[in-house]
C-alpha atoms as a PDB file:
ATOM      1  CA  UNK A   1      -0.039   0.073  -0.031  1.00  0.00           C
ATOM      2  CA  UNK A   2       1.478   3.426  -0.970  1.00  0.00           C
ATOM      3  CA  UNK A   3       0.426   6.101   1.369  1.00  0.00           C
ATOM      4  CA  UNK A   4       2.402   9.005  -0.361  1.00  0.00           C
ATOM      5  CA  UNK A   5       5.100   9.633  -2.778  1.00  0.00           C
ATOM      6  CA  UNK A   6       7.647  12.519  -2.925  1.00  0.00           C
ATOM      7  CA  UNK A   7       9.875  13.591  -5.756  1.00  0.00           C
ATOM      8  CA  UNK A   8      12.494  16.191  -5.290  1.00  0.00           C
ATOM      9  CA  UNK A   9      15.398  17.554  -7.421  1.00  0.00           C
ATOM     10  CA  UNK A  10      18.321  18.700  -5.402  1.00  0.00           C
ATOM     11  CA  UNK A  11      20.347  21.831  -6.394  1.00  0.00           C
ATOM     12  CA  UNK A  12      23.620  20.021  -6.111  1.00  0.00           C
ATOM     13  CA  UNK A  13      25.815  17.858  -8.379  1.00  0.00           C
ATOM     14  CA  UNK A  14      24.266  14.391  -9.003  1.00  0.00           C
ATOM     15  CA  UNK A  15      27.444  12.668  -7.698  1.00  0.00           C
ATOM     16  CA  UNK A  16      27.279  14.532  -4.469  1.00  0.00           C
ATOM     17  CA  UNK A  17      23.657  13.745  -3.827  1.00  0.00           C
ATOM     18  CA  UNK A  18      24.090  10.010  -4.721  1.00  0.00           C
ATOM     19  CA  UNK A  19      27.200   9.719  -2.474  1.00  0.00           C
ATOM     20  CA  UNK A  20      25.268  11.454   0.346  1.00  0.00           C
ATOM     21  CA  UNK A  21      22.356   8.925   0.113  1.00  0.00           C
ATOM     22  CA  UNK A  22      24.788   6.026   0.899  1.00  0.00           C
ATOM     23  CA  UNK A  23      26.480   8.187   3.783  1.00  0.00           C
ATOM     24  CA  UNK A  24      23.444   9.432   5.575  1.00  0.00           C
ATOM     25  CA  UNK A  25      23.774   7.162   8.539  1.00  0.00           C
ATOM     26  CA  UNK A  26      25.247   7.196  11.137  1.00  0.00           C
ATOM     27  CA  UNK A  27      24.112  10.922  11.500  1.00  0.00           C
ATOM     28  CA  UNK A  28      24.462  13.210  14.409  1.00  0.00           C
ATOM     29  CA  UNK A  29      21.091  14.853  13.503  1.00  0.00           C
ATOM     30  CA  UNK A  30      19.209  11.525  13.651  1.00  0.00           C
ATOM     31  CA  UNK A  31      20.770   9.454  16.386  1.00  0.00           C
ATOM     32  CA  UNK A  32      17.530   7.157  16.409  1.00  0.00           C
ATOM     33  CA  UNK A  33      19.088   5.040  13.524  1.00  0.00           C
ATOM     34  CA  UNK A  34      21.285   2.530  15.299  1.00  0.00           C
ATOM     35  CA  UNK A  35      22.124   0.058  12.477  1.00  0.00           C
ATOM     36  CA  UNK A  36      22.268  -0.112   8.690  1.00  0.00           C
ATOM     37  CA  UNK A  37      22.751  -3.535   7.118  1.00  0.00           C
ATOM     38  CA  UNK A  38      23.256  -4.267   3.583  1.00  0.00           C
ATOM     39  CA  UNK A  39      21.069  -7.143   2.497  1.00  0.00           C
ATOM     40  CA  UNK A  40      21.707  -7.225  -1.154  1.00  0.00           C
ATOM     41  CA  UNK A  41      23.895  -5.295  -3.570  1.00  0.00           C
ATOM     42  CA  UNK A  42      24.822  -5.845  -7.142  1.00  0.00           C
ATOM     43  CA  UNK A  43      25.638  -4.261 -10.465  1.00  0.00           C
ATOM     44  CA  UNK A  44      23.644  -5.249 -13.498  1.00  0.00           C
ATOM     45  CA  UNK A  45      24.877  -5.787 -17.113  1.00  0.00           C
ATOM     46  CA  UNK A  46      23.933  -2.093 -17.794  1.00  0.00           C
ATOM     47  CA  UNK A  47      26.241  -0.785 -15.027  1.00  0.00           C
ATOM     48  CA  UNK A  48      23.336   0.142 -12.681  1.00  0.00           C
ATOM     49  CA  UNK A  49      23.760  -0.401  -8.919  1.00  0.00           C
ATOM     50  CA  UNK A  50      20.897  -2.111  -6.951  1.00  0.00           C
ATOM     51  CA  UNK A  51      20.952  -1.913  -3.216  1.00  0.00           C
ATOM     52  CA  UNK A  52      18.702  -3.276  -0.442  1.00  0.00           C
ATOM     53  CA  UNK A  53      19.396  -2.154   3.052  1.00  0.00           C
ATOM     54  CA  UNK A  54      17.791  -2.749   6.420  1.00  0.00           C
ATOM     55  CA  UNK A  55      17.694   0.273   8.777  1.00  0.00           C
ATOM     56  CA  UNK A  56      17.047  -0.294  12.483  1.00  0.00           C
ATOM     57  CA  UNK A  57      15.866   2.753  14.657  1.00  0.00           C
ATOM     58  CA  UNK A  58      15.514   2.974  18.390  1.00  0.00           C
ATOM     59  CA  UNK A  59      12.153   4.598  18.986  1.00  0.00           C
ATOM     60  CA  UNK A  60      13.099   5.591  22.490  1.00  0.00           C
ATOM     61  CA  UNK A  61      15.507   8.079  21.017  1.00  0.00           C
ATOM     62  CA  UNK A  62      12.709  10.266  19.676  1.00  0.00           C
ATOM     63  CA  UNK A  63       9.585   9.003  21.321  1.00  0.00           C
ATOM     64  CA  UNK A  64       8.552   8.904  24.861  1.00  0.00           C
ATOM     65  CA  UNK A  65       8.971   5.429  26.495  1.00  0.00           C
ATOM     66  CA  UNK A  66       5.289   5.284  27.443  1.00  0.00           C
ATOM     67  CA  UNK A  67       4.119   5.693  23.921  1.00  0.00           C
ATOM     68  CA  UNK A  68       6.454   2.762  22.920  1.00  0.00           C
ATOM     69  CA  UNK A  69       4.892   0.593  25.483  1.00  0.00           C
ATOM     70  CA  UNK A  70       1.304   1.676  24.648  1.00  0.00           C
ATOM     71  CA  UNK A  71       1.616   0.648  20.989  1.00  0.00           C
ATOM     72  CA  UNK A  72       3.126  -2.652  22.114  1.00  0.00           C
ATOM     73  CA  UNK A  73       6.565  -2.377  20.476  1.00  0.00           C
ATOM     74  CA  UNK A  74       9.933  -3.323  21.936  1.00  0.00           C
ATOM     75  CA  UNK A  75      11.376   0.160  21.074  1.00  0.00           C
ATOM     76  CA  UNK A  76      12.962  -0.749  17.766  1.00  0.00           C
ATOM     77  CA  UNK A  77      11.459  -0.272  14.291  1.00  0.00           C
ATOM     78  CA  UNK A  78      12.878  -1.566  11.008  1.00  0.00           C
ATOM     79  CA  UNK A  79      12.808   0.055   7.669  1.00  0.00           C
ATOM     80  CA  UNK A  80      13.771  -1.399   4.222  1.00  0.00           C
ATOM     81  CA  UNK A  81      15.356   0.930   1.666  1.00  0.00           C
ATOM     82  CA  UNK A  82      15.822   0.009  -1.921  1.00  0.00           C
ATOM     83  CA  UNK A  83      17.770   1.983  -4.354  1.00  0.00           C
ATOM     84  CA  UNK A  84      18.716   2.014  -8.042  1.00  0.00           C
ATOM     85  CA  UNK A  85      21.646   4.153  -9.280  1.00  0.00           C
ATOM     86  CA  UNK A  86      22.112   4.639 -13.010  1.00  0.00           C
ATOM     87  CA  UNK A  87      25.314   6.590 -13.677  1.00  0.00           C
ATOM     88  CA  UNK A  88      24.658   6.652 -17.338  1.00  0.00           C
ATOM     89  CA  UNK A  89      21.367   8.544 -16.948  1.00  0.00           C
ATOM     90  CA  UNK A  90      22.557  10.168 -13.742  1.00  0.00           C
ATOM     91  CA  UNK A  91      19.425   9.009 -11.975  1.00  0.00           C
ATOM     92  CA  UNK A  92      18.897   7.744  -8.437  1.00  0.00           C
ATOM     93  CA  UNK A  93      15.646   6.024  -7.308  1.00  0.00           C
ATOM     94  CA  UNK A  94      15.207   5.382  -3.596  1.00  0.00           C
ATOM     95  CA  UNK A  95      12.251   3.546  -2.093  1.00  0.00           C
ATOM     96  CA  UNK A  96      11.667   2.897   1.537  1.00  0.00           C
ATOM     97  CA  UNK A  97       9.079   1.275   3.812  1.00  0.00           C
ATOM     98  CA  UNK A  98       8.851   1.091   7.554  1.00  0.00           C
ATOM     99  CA  UNK A  99       7.763  -2.239   9.181  1.00  0.00           C
END
């Protein structure tokens, strides 16, 4: 189920934006993300890079502990982030979902 979609064009060099996507965690401004694991990564025959990453966040870093207990969670949430980098077209597609 897709709830919303966002498209944004950054006013920076494509190479810088693409590099930043893969270096965004760990991040002093979002200390809730405690782990990033690469589940799958490969380059296809057209030179495009596919990546699938698992992000683990500690809800207690940004949410009150009572709220975490009320919704019945252990304090951690996982997100899956898939990306496709096409250097020939200078395009980057990033999809994410929280679980």
